[in-house]
Amino acid sequence: MPTKRKVDNLMALAILSVIAERPMHRYEIASTLRERGKDRDMDIKWGSLYTVVRNMTKAGFLEEVGSERQGARPERVIYRITEVGRAEMIDWTEELLAEPRPERNAFTAGLSVTAMLAPEQVIELLGTRIAALDAIVAGVRAELAELAESLPRLFVIESEYGLAMLEAEAAWARGWRAELVDGTFPDLALWRTIQESGPVRESTEGGMADPEHP
């Protein structure tokens, strides 16, 4: 079971990973995260960065080690990772790599109610999705090829995984669409029956009403 953490926002892990290299102020932390594309790997909300840093400081994962001022700009507090913070970062990373977690996915949510649409419409929508995925895959491949010239593979491994997931999704969507197009999907008859009966609605008692018997 996942550990209950004092600060469980994944942005905190991203911050720990960059500040482990050297002390930084919050603006530098944000700039480093952007440069490394961490906002593609984690659900980072830039507006909450200050709050996350403050919470990690309260939890003992970061500590203030000084400040600096440039010109008329406000004073910037510099933070460094503590030994407790380093241990938290390592333990959290180990947990994320070793323990599979159910993840909410918008595509999965859409698939769960696909029966509400006609098969022909789903064929068209899948075609649109596949074309979009192919374009994204091409872009990620090009980006990885460019990064390979300047970065060790170790530092882009998460992008490799992301590419593999995109390719797998595109392959699955392409395969299912082919079944719908050639009529080999086994539940087409059931699907059309659902469509002919009309949308399922909730009964007044809170259960699901039979469309044939309102």
C-alpha atoms as a PDB file:
ATOM      1  CA  MET A   1       0.000   0.000   0.000  1.00  0.00           C
ATOM      2  CA  PRO A   2       1.349   3.478  -0.853  1.00  0.00           C
ATOM      3  CA  THR A   3       2.936   5.336   2.033  1.00  0.00           C
ATOM      4  CA  LYS A   4       0.926   8.194   3.502  1.00  0.00           C
ATOM      5  CA  ARG A   5       3.275  11.120   2.992  1.00  0.00           C
ATOM      6  CA  LYS A   6       3.459  14.494   4.692  1.00  0.00           C
ATOM      7  CA  VAL A   7       3.502  16.148   1.254  1.00  0.00           C
ATOM      8  CA  ASP A   8       1.993  13.857  -1.388  1.00  0.00           C
ATOM      9  CA  ASN A   9       1.889  16.252  -4.367  1.00  0.00           C
ATOM     10  CA  LEU A  10       4.102  14.788  -7.106  1.00  0.00           C
ATOM     11  CA  MET A  11       5.338  18.301  -7.753  1.00  0.00           C
ATOM     12  CA  ALA A  12       7.141  17.951  -4.415  1.00  0.00           C
ATOM     13  CA  LEU A  13       9.087  14.978  -5.760  1.00  0.00           C
ATOM     14  CA  ALA A  14      10.038  16.943  -8.874  1.00  0.00           C
ATOM     15  CA  ILE A  15      11.256  19.832  -6.696  1.00  0.00           C
ATOM     16  CA  LEU A  16      13.286  17.485  -4.498  1.00  0.00           C
ATOM     17  CA  SER A  17      14.883  15.915  -7.581  1.00  0.00           C
ATOM     18  CA  VAL A  18      16.274  19.221  -8.877  1.00  0.00           C
ATOM     19  CA  ILE A  19      17.142  20.872  -5.577  1.00  0.00           C
ATOM     20  CA  ALA A  20      19.096  17.747  -4.575  1.00  0.00           C
ATOM     21  CA  GLU A  21      21.742  18.943  -7.048  1.00  0.00           C
ATOM     22  CA  ARG A  22      22.391  22.307  -5.362  1.00  0.00           C
ATOM     23  CA  PRO A  23      20.651  24.964  -3.258  1.00  0.00           C
ATOM     24  CA  MET A  24      18.181  27.064  -5.293  1.00  0.00           C
ATOM     25  CA  HIS A  25      15.616  29.804  -4.870  1.00  0.00           C
ATOM     26  CA  ARG A  26      12.055  29.169  -5.998  1.00  0.00           C
ATOM     27  CA  TYR A  27      12.372  30.966  -9.334  1.00  0.00           C
ATOM     28  CA  GLU A  28      15.416  28.846 -10.207  1.00  0.00           C
ATOM     29  CA  ILE A  29      13.557  25.689  -9.179  1.00  0.00           C
ATOM     30  CA  ALA A  30      10.693  26.558 -11.541  1.00  0.00           C
ATOM     31  CA  SER A  31      13.078  27.413 -14.390  1.00  0.00           C
ATOM     32  CA  THR A  32      14.952  24.123 -13.989  1.00  0.00           C
ATOM     33  CA  LEU A  33      11.732  22.102 -13.925  1.00  0.00           C
ATOM     34  CA  ARG A  34      10.553  23.802 -17.126  1.00  0.00           C
ATOM     35  CA  GLU A  35      13.883  23.295 -18.889  1.00  0.00           C
ATOM     36  CA  ARG A  36      13.760  19.576 -18.135  1.00  0.00           C
ATOM     37  CA  GLY A  37      10.137  19.177 -19.204  1.00  0.00           C
ATOM     38  CA  LYS A  38       8.982  17.933 -15.807  1.00  0.00           C
ATOM     39  CA  ASP A  39       5.568  19.444 -16.481  1.00  0.00           C
ATOM     40  CA  ARG A  40       5.132  16.740 -19.150  1.00  0.00           C
ATOM     41  CA  ASP A  41       5.954  13.948 -16.703  1.00  0.00           C
ATOM     42  CA  MET A  42       4.026  15.132 -13.656  1.00  0.00           C
ATOM     43  CA  ASP A  43       0.890  17.099 -12.947  1.00  0.00           C
ATOM     44  CA  ILE A  44       2.680  20.343 -12.129  1.00  0.00           C
ATOM     45  CA  LYS A  45       0.617  23.413 -11.272  1.00  0.00           C
ATOM     46  CA  TRP A  46       3.050  26.318 -11.383  1.00  0.00           C
ATOM     47  CA  GLY A  47       0.828  28.526  -9.244  1.00  0.00           C
ATOM     48  CA  SER A  48       1.196  26.113  -6.322  1.00  0.00           C
ATOM     49  CA  LEU A  49       5.013  25.906  -6.404  1.00  0.00           C
ATOM     50  CA  TYR A  50       5.487  28.391  -3.572  1.00  0.00           C
ATOM     51  CA  THR A  51       2.940  26.552  -1.433  1.00  0.00           C
ATOM     52  CA  VAL A  52       4.586  23.172  -2.063  1.00  0.00           C
ATOM     53  CA  VAL A  53       8.026  24.567  -1.182  1.00  0.00           C
ATOM     54  CA  ARG A  54       6.601  26.055   2.024  1.00  0.00           C
ATOM     55  CA  ASN A  55       4.923  22.768   2.946  1.00  0.00           C
ATOM     56  CA  MET A  56       8.127  20.815   2.357  1.00  0.00           C
ATOM     57  CA  THR A  57      10.037  23.265   4.517  1.00  0.00           C
ATOM     58  CA  LYS A  58       7.495  22.767   7.310  1.00  0.00           C
ATOM     59  CA  ALA A  59       7.822  18.981   6.880  1.00  0.00           C
ATOM     60  CA  GLY A  60      11.606  19.246   7.239  1.00  0.00           C
ATOM     61  CA  PHE A  61      12.432  18.189   3.680  1.00  0.00           C
ATOM     62  CA  LEU A  62      13.893  21.588   2.743  1.00  0.00           C
ATOM     63  CA  GLU A  63      15.596  24.302   4.769  1.00  0.00           C
ATOM     64  CA  GLU A  64      16.442  27.937   4.170  1.00  0.00           C
ATOM     65  CA  VAL A  65      20.178  28.574   3.801  1.00  0.00           C
ATOM     66  CA  GLY A  66      20.280  32.232   2.804  1.00  0.00           C
ATOM     67  CA  SER A  67      18.888  34.749   0.374  1.00  0.00           C
ATOM     68  CA  GLU A  68      19.951  36.910  -2.535  1.00  0.00           C
ATOM     69  CA  ARG A  69      18.776  40.111  -4.169  1.00  0.00           C
ATOM     70  CA  GLN A  70      19.351  41.338  -7.722  1.00  0.00           C
ATOM     71  CA  GLY A  71      18.781  45.022  -8.316  1.00  0.00           C
ATOM     72  CA  ALA A  72      15.315  46.184  -7.366  1.00  0.00           C
ATOM     73  CA  ARG A  73      13.881  42.665  -7.368  1.00  0.00           C
ATOM     74  CA  PRO A  74      12.459  41.238  -4.127  1.00  0.00           C
ATOM     75  CA  GLU A  75      14.798  39.195  -1.964  1.00  0.00           C
ATOM     76  CA  ARG A  76      14.861  35.522  -2.956  1.00  0.00           C
ATOM     77  CA  VAL A  77      15.131  32.854  -0.261  1.00  0.00           C
ATOM     78  CA  ILE A  78      17.508  30.004  -1.120  1.00  0.00           C
ATOM     79  CA  TYR A  79      16.603  26.449  -0.098  1.00  0.00           C
ATOM     80  CA  ARG A  80      18.522  23.200   0.103  1.00  0.00           C
ATOM     81  CA  ILE A  81      17.426  19.630   0.612  1.00  0.00           C
ATOM     82  CA  THR A  82      17.844  18.111   4.070  1.00  0.00           C
ATOM     83  CA  GLU A  83      18.880  14.559   4.864  1.00  0.00           C
ATOM     84  CA  VAL A  84      15.239  13.846   5.736  1.00  0.00           C
ATOM     85  CA  GLY A  85      14.220  15.272   2.369  1.00  0.00           C
ATOM     86  CA  ARG A  86      16.787  13.171   0.533  1.00  0.00           C
ATOM     87  CA  ALA A  87      15.538  10.027   2.281  1.00  0.00           C
ATOM     88  CA  GLU A  88      11.953  10.970   1.382  1.00  0.00           C
ATOM     89  CA  MET A  89      12.911  11.483  -2.268  1.00  0.00           C
ATOM     90  CA  ILE A  90      14.613   8.084  -2.497  1.00  0.00           C
ATOM     91  CA  ASP A  91      11.827   6.221  -0.681  1.00  0.00           C
ATOM     92  CA  TRP A  92       9.131   7.908  -2.799  1.00  0.00           C
ATOM     93  CA  THR A  93      10.947   7.104  -6.050  1.00  0.00           C
ATOM     94  CA  GLU A  94      11.380   3.467  -5.012  1.00  0.00           C
ATOM     95  CA  GLU A  95       7.667   3.233  -4.253  1.00  0.00           C
ATOM     96  CA  LEU A  96       6.614   4.752  -7.582  1.00  0.00           C
ATOM     97  CA  LEU A  97       8.857   2.412  -9.568  1.00  0.00           C
ATOM     98  CA  ALA A  98       7.977  -0.777  -7.690  1.00  0.00           C
ATOM     99  CA  GLU A  99       4.259  -0.479  -6.907  1.00  0.00           C
ATOM    100  CA  PRO A 100       1.673  -0.278  -9.708  1.00  0.00           C
ATOM    101  CA  ARG A 101      -1.121   2.181  -8.997  1.00  0.00           C
ATOM    102  CA  PRO A 102      -4.510   2.574 -10.655  1.00  0.00           C
ATOM    103  CA  GLU A 103      -4.455   5.810 -12.632  1.00  0.00           C
ATOM    104  CA  ARG A 104      -7.487   7.712 -13.835  1.00  0.00           C
ATOM    105  CA  ASN A 105      -7.460   8.201 -17.560  1.00  0.00           C
ATOM    106  CA  ALA A 106      -9.813  10.320 -19.663  1.00  0.00           C
ATOM    107  CA  PHE A 107      -9.710   7.849 -22.559  1.00  0.00           C
ATOM    108  CA  THR A 108     -10.678   5.013 -20.207  1.00  0.00           C
ATOM    109  CA  ALA A 109     -13.605   7.104 -18.977  1.00  0.00           C
ATOM    110  CA  GLY A 110     -14.745   7.647 -22.553  1.00  0.00           C
ATOM    111  CA  LEU A 111     -14.426   3.962 -23.399  1.00  0.00           C
ATOM    112  CA  SER A 112     -16.575   3.054 -20.387  1.00  0.00           C
ATOM    113  CA  VAL A 113     -19.589   4.809 -21.948  1.00  0.00           C
ATOM    114  CA  THR A 114     -18.862   4.061 -25.614  1.00  0.00           C
ATOM    115  CA  ALA A 115     -22.131   2.119 -25.952  1.00  0.00           C
ATOM    116  CA  MET A 116     -23.980   5.447 -25.864  1.00  0.00           C
ATOM    117  CA  LEU A 117     -22.587   6.250 -29.337  1.00  0.00           C
ATOM    118  CA  ALA A 118     -23.220   4.464 -32.622  1.00  0.00           C
ATOM    119  CA  PRO A 119     -20.424   2.160 -33.864  1.00  0.00           C
ATOM    120  CA  GLU A 120     -20.060   4.273 -37.019  1.00  0.00           C
ATOM    121  CA  GLN A 121     -19.485   7.375 -34.922  1.00  0.00           C
ATOM    122  CA  VAL A 122     -16.896   5.580 -32.800  1.00  0.00           C
ATOM    123  CA  ILE A 123     -15.076   4.487 -35.950  1.00  0.00           C
ATOM    124  CA  GLU A 124     -14.812   8.121 -36.992  1.00  0.00           C
ATOM    125  CA  LEU A 125     -13.745   9.303 -33.546  1.00  0.00           C
ATOM    126  CA  LEU A 126     -11.096   6.605 -33.244  1.00  0.00           C
ATOM    127  CA  GLY A 127      -9.739   7.631 -36.629  1.00  0.00           C
ATOM    128  CA  THR A 128      -9.394  11.195 -35.356  1.00  0.00           C
ATOM    129  CA  ARG A 129      -7.669   9.999 -32.185  1.00  0.00           C
ATOM    130  CA  ILE A 130      -5.278   7.712 -34.059  1.00  0.00           C
ATOM    131  CA  ALA A 131      -4.234  10.545 -36.389  1.00  0.00           C
ATOM    132  CA  ALA A 132      -3.599  12.794 -33.380  1.00  0.00           C
ATOM    133  CA  LEU A 133      -1.618  10.081 -31.583  1.00  0.00           C
ATOM    134  CA  ASP A 134       0.493   9.430 -34.680  1.00  0.00           C
ATOM    135  CA  ALA A 135       1.361  13.126 -34.847  1.00  0.00           C
ATOM    136  CA  ILE A 136       2.295  13.205 -31.154  1.00  0.00           C
ATOM    137  CA  VAL A 137       4.399  10.039 -31.516  1.00  0.00           C
ATOM    138  CA  ALA A 138       6.277  11.558 -34.448  1.00  0.00           C
ATOM    139  CA  GLY A 139       6.964  14.696 -32.407  1.00  0.00           C
ATOM    140  CA  VAL A 140       8.223  12.772 -29.371  1.00  0.00           C
ATOM    141  CA  ARG A 141      10.462  10.607 -31.546  1.00  0.00           C
ATOM    142  CA  ALA A 142      11.990  13.706 -33.121  1.00  0.00           C
ATOM    143  CA  GLU A 143      12.480  15.295 -29.700  1.00  0.00           C
ATOM    144  CA  LEU A 144      14.150  12.161 -28.318  1.00  0.00           C
ATOM    145  CA  ALA A 145      16.469  11.975 -31.316  1.00  0.00           C
ATOM    146  CA  GLU A 146      17.485  15.582 -30.715  1.00  0.00           C
ATOM    147  CA  LEU A 147      17.969  15.091 -26.985  1.00  0.00           C
ATOM    148  CA  ALA A 148      20.082  11.987 -27.594  1.00  0.00           C
ATOM    149  CA  GLU A 149      22.784  14.278 -28.998  1.00  0.00           C
ATOM    150  CA  SER A 150      23.167  16.179 -25.734  1.00  0.00           C
ATOM    151  CA  LEU A 151      21.722  14.087 -22.893  1.00  0.00           C
ATOM    152  CA  PRO A 152      22.466  10.573 -21.599  1.00  0.00           C
ATOM    153  CA  ARG A 153      19.594   8.143 -22.065  1.00  0.00           C
ATOM    154  CA  LEU A 154      19.221   7.990 -18.267  1.00  0.00           C
ATOM    155  CA  PHE A 155      17.779  11.503 -18.235  1.00  0.00           C
ATOM    156  CA  VAL A 156      15.150  10.907 -20.911  1.00  0.00           C
ATOM    157  CA  ILE A 157      14.019   7.438 -19.861  1.00  0.00           C
ATOM    158  CA  GLU A 158      10.632   8.794 -18.732  1.00  0.00           C
ATOM    159  CA  SER A 159      10.104  10.203 -22.230  1.00  0.00           C
ATOM    160  CA  GLU A 160      10.918   6.789 -23.698  1.00  0.00           C
ATOM    161  CA  TYR A 161       8.250   5.257 -21.480  1.00  0.00           C
ATOM    162  CA  GLY A 162       5.770   7.933 -22.483  1.00  0.00           C
ATOM    163  CA  LEU A 163       6.484   7.213 -26.147  1.00  0.00           C
ATOM    164  CA  ALA A 164       5.956   3.485 -25.600  1.00  0.00           C
ATOM    165  CA  MET A 165       2.583   4.162 -23.951  1.00  0.00           C
ATOM    166  CA  LEU A 166       1.503   6.423 -26.824  1.00  0.00           C
ATOM    167  CA  GLU A 167       2.521   3.810 -29.376  1.00  0.00           C
ATOM    168  CA  ALA A 168       0.678   1.088 -27.450  1.00  0.00           C
ATOM    169  CA  GLU A 169      -2.476   3.199 -27.230  1.00  0.00           C
ATOM    170  CA  ALA A 170      -2.355   3.990 -30.949  1.00  0.00           C
ATOM    171  CA  ALA A 171      -1.856   0.303 -31.793  1.00  0.00           C
ATOM    172  CA  TRP A 172      -4.770  -0.748 -29.578  1.00  0.00           C
ATOM    173  CA  ALA A 173      -7.079   1.942 -30.965  1.00  0.00           C
ATOM    174  CA  ARG A 174      -6.106   1.014 -34.516  1.00  0.00           C
ATOM    175  CA  GLY A 175      -6.818  -2.657 -33.838  1.00  0.00           C
ATOM    176  CA  TRP A 176     -10.224  -2.034 -32.270  1.00  0.00           C
ATOM    177  CA  ARG A 177     -11.202   0.348 -35.044  1.00  0.00           C
ATOM    178  CA  ALA A 178     -10.302  -2.332 -37.596  1.00  0.00           C
ATOM    179  CA  GLU A 179     -12.642  -4.776 -35.808  1.00  0.00           C
ATOM    180  CA  LEU A 180     -15.472  -2.245 -35.991  1.00  0.00           C
ATOM    181  CA  VAL A 181     -14.821  -1.492 -39.659  1.00  0.00           C
ATOM    182  CA  ASP A 182     -14.726  -5.134 -40.795  1.00  0.00           C
ATOM    183  CA  GLY A 183     -17.552  -6.227 -38.469  1.00  0.00           C
ATOM    184  CA  THR A 184     -15.532  -8.768 -36.459  1.00  0.00           C
ATOM    185  CA  PHE A 185     -16.106  -7.070 -33.083  1.00  0.00           C
ATOM    186  CA  PRO A 186     -18.177  -9.734 -31.253  1.00  0.00           C
ATOM    187  CA  ASP A 187     -20.625  -7.392 -29.509  1.00  0.00           C
ATOM    188  CA  LEU A 188     -21.812  -5.349 -32.464  1.00  0.00           C
ATOM    189  CA  ALA A 189     -25.314  -6.878 -32.324  1.00  0.00           C
ATOM    190  CA  LEU A 190     -25.666  -6.081 -28.612  1.00  0.00           C
ATOM    191  CA  TRP A 191     -24.326  -2.604 -29.240  1.00  0.00           C
ATOM    192  CA  ARG A 192     -26.898  -1.916 -31.958  1.00  0.00           C
ATOM    193  CA  THR A 193     -29.670  -3.240 -29.697  1.00  0.00           C
ATOM    194  CA  ILE A 194     -28.646  -0.736 -27.045  1.00  0.00           C
ATOM    195  CA  GLN A 195     -28.686   2.022 -29.624  1.00  0.00           C
ATOM    196  CA  GLU A 196     -32.130   1.045 -30.913  1.00  0.00           C
ATOM    197  CA  SER A 197     -33.538   0.924 -27.351  1.00  0.00           C
ATOM    198  CA  GLY A 198     -32.434   4.469 -26.620  1.00  0.00           C
ATOM    199  CA  PRO A 199     -30.144   5.789 -23.893  1.00  0.00           C
ATOM    200  CA  VAL A 200     -30.240   4.197 -20.461  1.00  0.00           C
ATOM    201  CA  ARG A 201     -31.641   6.576 -17.852  1.00  0.00           C
ATOM    202  CA  GLU A 202     -31.908   6.604 -14.078  1.00  0.00           C
ATOM    203  CA  SER A 203     -35.174   5.553 -12.484  1.00  0.00           C
ATOM    204  CA  THR A 204     -36.877   7.685  -9.845  1.00  0.00           C
ATOM    205  CA  GLU A 205     -35.672   5.200  -7.209  1.00  0.00           C
ATOM    206  CA  GLY A 206     -32.064   5.867  -8.131  1.00  0.00           C
ATOM    207  CA  GLY A 207     -31.465   2.590 -10.012  1.00  0.00           C
ATOM    208  CA  MET A 208     -31.139   2.118 -13.768  1.00  0.00           C
ATOM    209  CA  ALA A 209     -34.438   2.042 -15.625  1.00  0.00           C
ATOM    210  CA  ASP A 210     -35.211  -0.431 -18.369  1.00  0.00           C
ATOM    211  CA  PRO A 211     -35.633   1.611 -21.596  1.00  0.00           C
ATOM    212  CA  GLU A 212     -38.405  -0.742 -22.661  1.00  0.00           C
ATOM    213  CA  HIS A 213     -40.328  -0.248 -19.380  1.00  0.00           C
ATOM    214  CA  PRO A 214     -40.077   3.325 -18.052  1.00  0.00           C
END
